[in-house]
Amino acid sequence: MAHYPLNHHLRQPYRVLAGAAGFYLALAGIIGIATTLGDPFFHRGADWALGLRFNPAGAWLTALLGLAVLAAAAIGGNLHHRLNLVLGWTLMAAAMVVMALIQTDANVVNVSMVNVIVLAALGVVVLTAALYGQVESDRAEH
């Protein structure tokens, strides 16, 4: 079993960074949903929002991931630790998968290399927040 530091003195700044990452993803996804409104779900157009390329499928996926990260940061405690471990690895894995599919017809979420870089960077931020976010008990943080 892995050892994660308990009550690390930087857990709050990391939690704020994870919240900012979740806010950016959620906001980009919501603006992407508004921008791609009316397009087919797996459309391969050139719609951009906050520097990321979207179609409705990618916008919804980004918004949901962002809201999940934001909710985990808002909840805090060990739930934040556990959820962000999963979400951080999910973001990083998603970045690698879409990078492998970027120049193929399997790029159904219409991502560009910018999306890959942003997903990987935010995945590292979320994962780092998770690694240092564990508390001794859920009551210790409140």
Foldseek 3Di string as FASTA:
>chain_A
DDDFDAPDVCLLVLLVLLLVLLVVLLQQLVVLLVQQPPPPQQDQDATGGPHWGFHNVLSVVSNVLSVQSNVLSVLAELSVLVSLLVSLVVLLVVLVVLVVCVPHPPNSGNTDNSSSVSSNVSSVSSNVSNRHRYHPGRVVVD
